[in-house]
Amino acid sequence: MSQLLTDETAIVTGGASGIGRMIALTFADHGADVVVADVRETPREGGEPTHERITSETDQTAVFVDCDVTERDDLEAAVDAAEDLGGLDIMVNNAGIHSETPFLDITEEEFDQLMDINVKGVFLGAQVAGERLIENDEGGTIINMASLAADRGAAYQTIYTASKGAVKSLTYALADFFGGHGVRVNAIKPSFTETQMLEQGGMGDGEAGTRLQEAMLGATPAGRFGQPEEIANVALFLASDLSSYVNGESILVDGGLGNT
């Protein structure tokens, strides 16, 4: 396999499970050392912790850092861990939560929690990592996890849609800010993946969820939902020199759903 990220060091927030886990594993397969930053060490889907799997299956180094992305000190600890591995090169702001609470039933507490993790977490992650990337003066890349929902709102995920729209817009502003420092900032906008659906109930439970799943499958030209590795491959592209002139972009990975 080609080593697109040889001698690079990456932080992946929310890297213990789901898409974040697959991004961390993919980066390691391509030569990067990885800091897995998450509030939990054990994958939700089961199996060996991400950092342990990397060290057992590849020649790369990986460490786990207990990290709540709403806490600056935790993110600073993750960046310090990356520095111990040779210096931060890639920051993936992947951690996030979902909500399907009907709009009129959303409490201020739920709103604040979701916005804190999905938006403030990306803001702080980019700020802490970006400061270190500028100090290191060797360039780098920041990848933010947005969503198809940033372009295409849905009644069943109103505040989630708002949060991912904020991530997309923030990505554009950060690309402009960091561009002069040799740091590229881009976003990925997945639609439903198998992991998201299974872990977060992204289409709801019961008969209504089944109907929505069937409708979304019917509207997706690819005729299926995405796999975590398909999202991770786009992250790999954005993290590597293959995308050296890509900055301020938000890339849909949705099987064509956003164009229907």
C-alpha atoms as a PDB file:
ATOM      1  CA  MET A   1       0.000   0.000   0.000  1.00  0.00           C
ATOM      2  CA  SER A   2       1.191   3.525  -0.782  1.00  0.00           C
ATOM      3  CA  GLN A   3       2.258   5.551   2.237  1.00  0.00           C
ATOM      4  CA  LEU A   4       0.521   8.863   1.686  1.00  0.00           C
ATOM      5  CA  LEU A   5       1.070  10.092   5.244  1.00  0.00           C
ATOM      6  CA  THR A   6       4.583   8.901   6.033  1.00  0.00           C
ATOM      7  CA  ASP A   7       6.142  10.815   8.966  1.00  0.00           C
ATOM      8  CA  GLU A   8       2.858  12.620   9.656  1.00  0.00           C
ATOM      9  CA  THR A   9       1.083  12.836  13.012  1.00  0.00           C
ATOM     10  CA  ALA A  10      -2.697  13.147  13.238  1.00  0.00           C
ATOM     11  CA  ILE A  11      -5.260  13.796  15.949  1.00  0.00           C
ATOM     12  CA  VAL A  12      -8.716  12.306  15.394  1.00  0.00           C
ATOM     13  CA  THR A  13     -11.388  13.448  17.844  1.00  0.00           C
ATOM     14  CA  GLY A  14     -14.112  10.905  18.363  1.00  0.00           C
ATOM     15  CA  GLY A  15     -11.565   8.399  17.090  1.00  0.00           C
ATOM     16  CA  ALA A  16     -12.576   5.490  19.322  1.00  0.00           C
ATOM     17  CA  SER A  17     -15.664   4.509  17.333  1.00  0.00           C
ATOM     18  CA  GLY A  18     -17.455   4.752  14.023  1.00  0.00           C
ATOM     19  CA  ILE A  19     -16.179   7.007  11.277  1.00  0.00           C
ATOM     20  CA  GLY A  20     -13.487   8.481  13.521  1.00  0.00           C
ATOM     21  CA  ARG A  21     -12.132   5.011  14.238  1.00  0.00           C
ATOM     22  CA  MET A  22     -11.974   4.196  10.539  1.00  0.00           C
ATOM     23  CA  ILE A  23     -10.210   7.493   9.795  1.00  0.00           C
ATOM     24  CA  ALA A  24      -7.596   6.761  12.462  1.00  0.00           C
ATOM     25  CA  LEU A  25      -7.018   3.228  11.144  1.00  0.00           C
ATOM     26  CA  THR A  26      -6.798   4.441   7.549  1.00  0.00           C
ATOM     27  CA  PHE A  27      -4.307   7.162   8.437  1.00  0.00           C
ATOM     28  CA  ALA A  28      -2.143   4.610  10.256  1.00  0.00           C
ATOM     29  CA  ASP A  29      -2.303   2.254   7.269  1.00  0.00           C
ATOM     30  CA  HIS A  30      -0.830   5.102   5.234  1.00  0.00           C
ATOM     31  CA  GLY A  31       2.057   5.832   7.568  1.00  0.00           C
ATOM     32  CA  ALA A  32       0.737   8.316  10.136  1.00  0.00           C
ATOM     33  CA  ASP A  33       1.111   8.158  13.892  1.00  0.00           C
ATOM     34  CA  VAL A  34      -2.248   8.835  15.517  1.00  0.00           C
ATOM     35  CA  VAL A  35      -3.631  10.413  18.672  1.00  0.00           C
ATOM     36  CA  VAL A  36      -7.084   8.989  19.343  1.00  0.00           C
ATOM     37  CA  ALA A  37      -8.923  11.687  21.301  1.00  0.00           C
ATOM     38  CA  ASP A  38     -12.263  10.603  22.717  1.00  0.00           C
ATOM     39  CA  VAL A  39     -14.369  10.500  25.859  1.00  0.00           C
ATOM     40  CA  ARG A  40     -14.340   6.705  25.692  1.00  0.00           C
ATOM     41  CA  GLU A  41     -11.563   4.246  24.955  1.00  0.00           C
ATOM     42  CA  THR A  42     -13.647   1.215  23.975  1.00  0.00           C
ATOM     43  CA  PRO A  43     -15.344   1.267  20.549  1.00  0.00           C
ATOM     44  CA  ARG A  44     -19.128   1.386  20.632  1.00  0.00           C
ATOM     45  CA  GLU A  45     -19.174  -1.265  17.933  1.00  0.00           C
ATOM     46  CA  GLY A  46     -16.960  -3.512  20.033  1.00  0.00           C
ATOM     47  CA  GLY A  47     -13.476  -4.801  19.424  1.00  0.00           C
ATOM     48  CA  GLU A  48      -9.999  -3.696  20.342  1.00  0.00           C
ATOM     49  CA  PRO A  49      -9.480  -0.011  21.223  1.00  0.00           C
ATOM     50  CA  THR A  50      -8.447   1.958  18.155  1.00  0.00           C
ATOM     51  CA  HIS A  51      -5.004   2.923  19.411  1.00  0.00           C
ATOM     52  CA  GLU A  52      -4.233  -0.634  20.466  1.00  0.00           C
ATOM     53  CA  ARG A  53      -5.335  -2.000  17.104  1.00  0.00           C
ATOM     54  CA  ILE A  54      -3.073   0.477  15.319  1.00  0.00           C
ATOM     55  CA  THR A  55      -0.046  -0.516  17.358  1.00  0.00           C
ATOM     56  CA  SER A  56      -0.773  -4.234  16.973  1.00  0.00           C
ATOM     57  CA  GLU A  57      -1.532  -4.231  13.229  1.00  0.00           C
ATOM     58  CA  THR A  58       0.756  -1.529  11.818  1.00  0.00           C
ATOM     59  CA  ASP A  59       4.237  -0.148  12.305  1.00  0.00           C
ATOM     60  CA  GLN A  60       2.803   3.143  13.549  1.00  0.00           C
ATOM     61  CA  THR A  61       2.526   4.597  17.040  1.00  0.00           C
ATOM     62  CA  ALA A  62      -0.864   5.465  18.476  1.00  0.00           C
ATOM     63  CA  VAL A  63      -1.984   6.774  21.849  1.00  0.00           C
ATOM     64  CA  PHE A  64      -5.325   7.403  23.479  1.00  0.00           C
ATOM     65  CA  VAL A  65      -6.119  10.722  25.155  1.00  0.00           C
ATOM     66  CA  ASP A  66      -9.267  11.158  27.240  1.00  0.00           C
ATOM     67  CA  CYS A  67     -10.723  14.206  25.505  1.00  0.00           C
ATOM     68  CA  ASP A  68     -13.965  16.120  25.884  1.00  0.00           C
ATOM     69  CA  VAL A  69     -13.903  18.463  22.883  1.00  0.00           C
ATOM     70  CA  THR A  70     -15.812  21.124  24.798  1.00  0.00           C
ATOM     71  CA  GLU A  71     -12.840  21.457  27.157  1.00  0.00           C
ATOM     72  CA  ARG A  72      -9.842  23.415  25.894  1.00  0.00           C
ATOM     73  CA  ASP A  73      -7.499  21.722  28.359  1.00  0.00           C
ATOM     74  CA  ASP A  74      -8.410  18.296  26.969  1.00  0.00           C
ATOM     75  CA  LEU A  75      -7.685  19.432  23.420  1.00  0.00           C
ATOM     76  CA  GLU A  76      -4.401  20.943  24.544  1.00  0.00           C
ATOM     77  CA  ALA A  77      -3.504  17.550  26.016  1.00  0.00           C
ATOM     78  CA  ALA A  78      -4.252  15.891  22.687  1.00  0.00           C
ATOM     79  CA  VAL A  79      -2.042  18.385  20.850  1.00  0.00           C
ATOM     80  CA  ASP A  80       0.739  17.859  23.392  1.00  0.00           C
ATOM     81  CA  ALA A  81       0.473  14.110  22.789  1.00  0.00           C
ATOM     82  CA  ALA A  82       0.851  14.722  19.048  1.00  0.00           C
ATOM     83  CA  GLU A  83       3.927  16.829  19.714  1.00  0.00           C
ATOM     84  CA  ASP A  84       5.406  13.917  21.661  1.00  0.00           C
ATOM     85  CA  LEU A  85       4.941  11.761  18.558  1.00  0.00           C
ATOM     86  CA  GLY A  86       6.917  14.164  16.396  1.00  0.00           C
ATOM     87  CA  GLY A  87       4.713  17.195  15.898  1.00  0.00           C
ATOM     88  CA  LEU A  88       1.142  17.818  14.825  1.00  0.00           C
ATOM     89  CA  ASP A  89       0.418  17.756  11.077  1.00  0.00           C
ATOM     90  CA  ILE A  90      -3.266  16.797  10.745  1.00  0.00           C
ATOM     91  CA  MET A  91      -6.263  17.665  12.926  1.00  0.00           C
ATOM     92  CA  VAL A  92      -9.558  15.869  12.301  1.00  0.00           C
ATOM     93  CA  ASN A  93     -12.456  17.449  14.191  1.00  0.00           C
ATOM     94  CA  ASN A  94     -14.748  14.461  13.960  1.00  0.00           C
ATOM     95  CA  ALA A  95     -16.435  14.202  17.374  1.00  0.00           C
ATOM     96  CA  GLY A  96     -20.143  14.920  17.308  1.00  0.00           C
ATOM     97  CA  ILE A  97     -23.594  13.867  18.470  1.00  0.00           C
ATOM     98  CA  HIS A  98     -26.973  13.569  16.776  1.00  0.00           C
ATOM     99  CA  SER A  99     -30.485  14.618  17.741  1.00  0.00           C
ATOM    100  CA  GLU A 100     -33.905  13.708  16.400  1.00  0.00           C
ATOM    101  CA  THR A 101     -35.976  15.462  19.047  1.00  0.00           C
ATOM    102  CA  PRO A 102     -38.981  17.175  17.425  1.00  0.00           C
ATOM    103  CA  PHE A 103     -38.307  20.891  17.067  1.00  0.00           C
ATOM    104  CA  LEU A 104     -40.977  22.080  19.499  1.00  0.00           C
ATOM    105  CA  ASP A 105     -39.777  19.612  22.128  1.00  0.00           C
ATOM    106  CA  ILE A 106     -36.090  20.601  22.083  1.00  0.00           C
ATOM    107  CA  THR A 107     -35.003  22.009  25.423  1.00  0.00           C
ATOM    108  CA  GLU A 108     -32.381  24.671  25.924  1.00  0.00           C
ATOM    109  CA  GLU A 109     -30.242  22.066  27.664  1.00  0.00           C
ATOM    110  CA  GLU A 110     -30.329  19.729  24.646  1.00  0.00           C
ATOM    111  CA  PHE A 111     -29.645  22.632  22.287  1.00  0.00           C
ATOM    112  CA  ASP A 112     -26.673  23.771  24.344  1.00  0.00           C
ATOM    113  CA  GLN A 113     -25.201  20.265  24.628  1.00  0.00           C
ATOM    114  CA  LEU A 114     -25.411  19.569  20.908  1.00  0.00           C
ATOM    115  CA  MET A 115     -24.030  22.953  19.908  1.00  0.00           C
ATOM    116  CA  ASP A 116     -21.244  22.676  22.487  1.00  0.00           C
ATOM    117  CA  ILE A 117     -20.030  19.361  21.066  1.00  0.00           C
ATOM    118  CA  ASN A 118     -20.758  19.804  17.362  1.00  0.00           C
ATOM    119  CA  VAL A 119     -19.833  23.472  16.934  1.00  0.00           C
ATOM    120  CA  LYS A 120     -17.825  24.645  19.931  1.00  0.00           C
ATOM    121  CA  GLY A 121     -15.835  21.396  19.793  1.00  0.00           C
ATOM    122  CA  VAL A 122     -14.843  22.046  16.184  1.00  0.00           C
ATOM    123  CA  PHE A 123     -14.094  25.702  16.948  1.00  0.00           C
ATOM    124  CA  LEU A 124     -11.848  24.843  19.895  1.00  0.00           C
ATOM    125  CA  GLY A 125     -10.202  21.939  18.084  1.00  0.00           C
ATOM    126  CA  ALA A 126      -9.333  24.138  15.132  1.00  0.00           C
ATOM    127  CA  GLN A 127      -8.158  26.964  17.383  1.00  0.00           C
ATOM    128  CA  VAL A 128      -5.899  24.830  19.586  1.00  0.00           C
ATOM    129  CA  ALA A 129      -4.505  22.772  16.702  1.00  0.00           C
ATOM    130  CA  GLY A 130      -4.196  25.764  14.402  1.00  0.00           C
ATOM    131  CA  GLU A 131      -2.186  27.723  16.937  1.00  0.00           C
ATOM    132  CA  ARG A 132       0.280  24.845  17.243  1.00  0.00           C
ATOM    133  CA  LEU A 133       0.481  24.375  13.474  1.00  0.00           C
ATOM    134  CA  ILE A 134       1.342  28.057  13.069  1.00  0.00           C
ATOM    135  CA  GLU A 135       3.961  27.836  15.821  1.00  0.00           C
ATOM    136  CA  ASN A 136       5.537  24.800  14.158  1.00  0.00           C
ATOM    137  CA  ASP A 137       5.646  26.733  10.877  1.00  0.00           C
ATOM    138  CA  GLU A 138       5.512  23.584   8.759  1.00  0.00           C
ATOM    139  CA  GLY A 139       1.976  23.853   7.433  1.00  0.00           C
ATOM    140  CA  GLY A 140      -0.658  21.219   7.988  1.00  0.00           C
ATOM    141  CA  THR A 141      -4.308  20.475   7.483  1.00  0.00           C
ATOM    142  CA  ILE A 142      -7.519  20.660   9.480  1.00  0.00           C
ATOM    143  CA  ILE A 143     -10.495  18.512   8.507  1.00  0.00           C
ATOM    144  CA  ASN A 144     -13.923  19.200   9.985  1.00  0.00           C
ATOM    145  CA  MET A 145     -16.775  16.697   9.926  1.00  0.00           C
ATOM    146  CA  ALA A 146     -19.922  18.381   8.676  1.00  0.00           C
ATOM    147  CA  SER A 147     -22.841  16.544   7.038  1.00  0.00           C
ATOM    148  CA  LEU A 148     -25.185  16.492   4.085  1.00  0.00           C
ATOM    149  CA  ALA A 149     -27.533  18.078   6.610  1.00  0.00           C
ATOM    150  CA  ALA A 150     -25.469  21.263   6.291  1.00  0.00           C
ATOM    151  CA  ASP A 151     -26.896  21.626   2.764  1.00  0.00           C
ATOM    152  CA  ARG A 152     -30.202  19.867   3.063  1.00  0.00           C
ATOM    153  CA  GLY A 153     -32.183  20.342   6.243  1.00  0.00           C
ATOM    154  CA  ALA A 154     -34.689  17.819   7.538  1.00  0.00           C
ATOM    155  CA  ALA A 155     -37.599  18.219   9.931  1.00  0.00           C
ATOM    156  CA  TYR A 156     -36.483  15.312  12.093  1.00  0.00           C
ATOM    157  CA  GLN A 157     -33.001  16.731  12.800  1.00  0.00           C
ATOM    158  CA  THR A 158     -33.408  20.481  13.139  1.00  0.00           C
ATOM    159  CA  ILE A 159     -30.673  21.362  15.626  1.00  0.00           C
ATOM    160  CA  TYR A 160     -28.288  18.817  14.125  1.00  0.00           C
ATOM    161  CA  THR A 161     -28.807  20.520  10.765  1.00  0.00           C
ATOM    162  CA  ALA A 162     -28.076  23.906  12.333  1.00  0.00           C
ATOM    163  CA  SER A 163     -24.888  22.634  13.952  1.00  0.00           C
ATOM    164  CA  LYS A 164     -23.516  21.094  10.762  1.00  0.00           C
ATOM    165  CA  GLY A 165     -24.373  24.219   8.777  1.00  0.00           C
ATOM    166  CA  ALA A 166     -22.286  26.144  11.290  1.00  0.00           C
ATOM    167  CA  VAL A 167     -19.384  23.712  10.837  1.00  0.00           C
ATOM    168  CA  LYS A 168     -19.500  24.151   7.062  1.00  0.00           C
ATOM    169  CA  SER A 169     -19.503  27.947   7.277  1.00  0.00           C
ATOM    170  CA  LEU A 170     -16.793  27.950   9.932  1.00  0.00           C
ATOM    171  CA  THR A 171     -14.639  25.795   7.661  1.00  0.00           C
ATOM    172  CA  TYR A 172     -14.781  28.419   4.905  1.00  0.00           C
ATOM    173  CA  ALA A 173     -13.804  31.201   7.303  1.00  0.00           C
ATOM    174  CA  LEU A 174     -10.958  29.169   8.788  1.00  0.00           C
ATOM    175  CA  ALA A 175      -9.602  28.325   5.348  1.00  0.00           C
ATOM    176  CA  ASP A 176      -9.353  32.038   4.675  1.00  0.00           C
ATOM    177  CA  PHE A 177      -7.760  32.727   8.061  1.00  0.00           C
ATOM    178  CA  PHE A 178      -5.193  29.929   8.011  1.00  0.00           C
ATOM    179  CA  GLY A 179      -4.407  30.008   4.293  1.00  0.00           C
ATOM    180  CA  GLY A 180      -1.580  32.479   4.712  1.00  0.00           C
ATOM    181  CA  HIS A 181       0.040  30.182   7.266  1.00  0.00           C
ATOM    182  CA  GLY A 182       0.196  27.162   4.978  1.00  0.00           C
ATOM    183  CA  VAL A 183      -2.628  25.374   6.797  1.00  0.00           C
ATOM    184  CA  ARG A 184      -5.466  24.005   4.681  1.00  0.00           C
ATOM    185  CA  VAL A 185      -8.975  23.667   6.157  1.00  0.00           C
ATOM    186  CA  ASN A 186     -11.682  21.539   4.560  1.00  0.00           C
ATOM    187  CA  ALA A 187     -14.852  19.732   5.563  1.00  0.00           C
ATOM    188  CA  ILE A 188     -16.454  16.400   4.750  1.00  0.00           C
ATOM    189  CA  LYS A 189     -20.234  16.122   4.413  1.00  0.00           C
ATOM    190  CA  PRO A 190     -21.338  12.491   4.700  1.00  0.00           C
ATOM    191  CA  SER A 191     -24.900  11.365   4.340  1.00  0.00           C
ATOM    192  CA  PHE A 192     -26.009   8.298   6.265  1.00  0.00           C
ATOM    193  CA  THR A 193     -23.408   5.630   6.807  1.00  0.00           C
ATOM    194  CA  GLU A 194     -23.968   2.203   8.290  1.00  0.00           C
ATOM    195  CA  THR A 195     -22.149   3.235  11.447  1.00  0.00           C
ATOM    196  CA  GLN A 196     -24.164   6.385  12.006  1.00  0.00           C
ATOM    197  CA  MET A 197     -27.460   4.646  11.483  1.00  0.00           C
ATOM    198  CA  LEU A 198     -26.673   1.755  13.797  1.00  0.00           C
ATOM    199  CA  GLU A 199     -25.071   3.754  16.599  1.00  0.00           C
ATOM    200  CA  GLN A 200     -27.005   6.992  16.629  1.00  0.00           C
ATOM    201  CA  GLY A 201     -30.429   5.923  15.421  1.00  0.00           C
ATOM    202  CA  GLY A 202     -30.020   8.393  12.581  1.00  0.00           C
ATOM    203  CA  MET A 203     -33.373   7.511  11.070  1.00  0.00           C
ATOM    204  CA  GLY A 204     -35.359   6.903  14.212  1.00  0.00           C
ATOM    205  CA  ASP A 205     -36.800   3.727  15.626  1.00  0.00           C
ATOM    206  CA  GLY A 206     -39.769   1.616  14.704  1.00  0.00           C
ATOM    207  CA  GLU A 207     -42.029   1.825  11.673  1.00  0.00           C
ATOM    208  CA  ALA A 208     -41.384   5.520  11.041  1.00  0.00           C
ATOM    209  CA  GLY A 209     -37.639   4.929  10.978  1.00  0.00           C
ATOM    210  CA  THR A 210     -38.046   2.031   8.579  1.00  0.00           C
ATOM    211  CA  ARG A 211     -40.152   4.136   6.220  1.00  0.00           C
ATOM    212  CA  LEU A 212     -37.619   6.952   6.301  1.00  0.00           C
ATOM    213  CA  GLN A 213     -34.760   4.541   5.622  1.00  0.00           C
ATOM    214  CA  GLU A 214     -36.595   3.123   2.618  1.00  0.00           C
ATOM    215  CA  ALA A 215     -37.347   6.616   1.321  1.00  0.00           C
ATOM    216  CA  MET A 216     -33.730   7.737   1.679  1.00  0.00           C
ATOM    217  CA  LEU A 217     -32.460   4.600  -0.029  1.00  0.00           C
ATOM    218  CA  GLY A 218     -34.889   5.191  -2.878  1.00  0.00           C
ATOM    219  CA  ALA A 219     -33.678   8.790  -3.244  1.00  0.00           C
ATOM    220  CA  THR A 220     -29.988   7.843  -3.233  1.00  0.00           C
ATOM    221  CA  PRO A 221     -28.714   7.198  -6.777  1.00  0.00           C
ATOM    222  CA  ALA A 222     -26.110   4.755  -5.445  1.00  0.00           C
ATOM    223  CA  GLY A 223     -28.939   2.644  -4.036  1.00  0.00           C
ATOM    224  CA  ARG A 224     -27.204   2.080  -0.704  1.00  0.00           C
ATOM    225  CA  PHE A 225     -25.809   3.880   2.301  1.00  0.00           C
ATOM    226  CA  GLY A 226     -22.135   4.654   2.720  1.00  0.00           C
ATOM    227  CA  GLN A 227     -19.508   2.666   4.552  1.00  0.00           C
ATOM    228  CA  PRO A 228     -17.137   4.231   7.125  1.00  0.00           C
ATOM    229  CA  GLU A 229     -14.106   3.453   4.966  1.00  0.00           C
ATOM    230  CA  GLU A 230     -15.590   5.536   2.147  1.00  0.00           C
ATOM    231  CA  ILE A 231     -15.661   8.570   4.422  1.00  0.00           C
ATOM    232  CA  ALA A 232     -12.173   7.753   5.717  1.00  0.00           C
ATOM    233  CA  ASN A 233     -10.795   7.634   2.171  1.00  0.00           C
ATOM    234  CA  VAL A 234     -11.958  11.207   1.588  1.00  0.00           C
ATOM    235  CA  ALA A 235     -10.305  12.245   4.849  1.00  0.00           C
ATOM    236  CA  LEU A 236      -7.119  10.555   3.613  1.00  0.00           C
ATOM    237  CA  PHE A 237      -7.287  12.542   0.379  1.00  0.00           C
ATOM    238  CA  LEU A 238      -7.741  15.821   2.272  1.00  0.00           C
ATOM    239  CA  ALA A 239      -4.946  14.989   4.718  1.00  0.00           C
ATOM    240  CA  SER A 240      -2.429  14.078   2.017  1.00  0.00           C
ATOM    241  CA  ASP A 241      -0.554  15.975  -0.661  1.00  0.00           C
ATOM    242  CA  LEU A 242      -3.031  14.622  -3.205  1.00  0.00           C
ATOM    243  CA  SER A 243      -5.187  17.590  -2.179  1.00  0.00           C
ATOM    244  CA  SER A 244      -2.385  20.134  -1.864  1.00  0.00           C
ATOM    245  CA  TYR A 245      -4.383  22.811  -3.727  1.00  0.00           C
ATOM    246  CA  VAL A 246      -7.743  22.028  -2.091  1.00  0.00           C
ATOM    247  CA  ASN A 247      -8.673  24.571   0.570  1.00  0.00           C
ATOM    248  CA  GLY A 248     -11.984  25.872   1.856  1.00  0.00           C
ATOM    249  CA  GLU A 249     -13.996  23.026   0.376  1.00  0.00           C
ATOM    250  CA  SER A 250     -16.795  20.895   1.810  1.00  0.00           C
ATOM    251  CA  ILE A 251     -16.976  17.570   0.023  1.00  0.00           C
ATOM    252  CA  LEU A 252     -20.226  15.611  -0.187  1.00  0.00           C
ATOM    253  CA  VAL A 253     -19.874  11.866   0.307  1.00  0.00           C
ATOM    254  CA  ASP A 254     -23.452  10.829  -0.150  1.00  0.00           C
ATOM    255  CA  GLY A 255     -23.931   8.494  -3.099  1.00  0.00           C
ATOM    256  CA  GLY A 256     -25.586  11.334  -5.016  1.00  0.00           C
ATOM    257  CA  LEU A 257     -28.381  11.978  -2.489  1.00  0.00           C
ATOM    258  CA  GLY A 258     -27.649  15.684  -2.221  1.00  0.00           C
ATOM    259  CA  ASN A 259     -28.162  16.160  -5.946  1.00  0.00           C
ATOM    260  CA  THR A 260     -31.620  14.596  -6.095  1.00  0.00           C
END
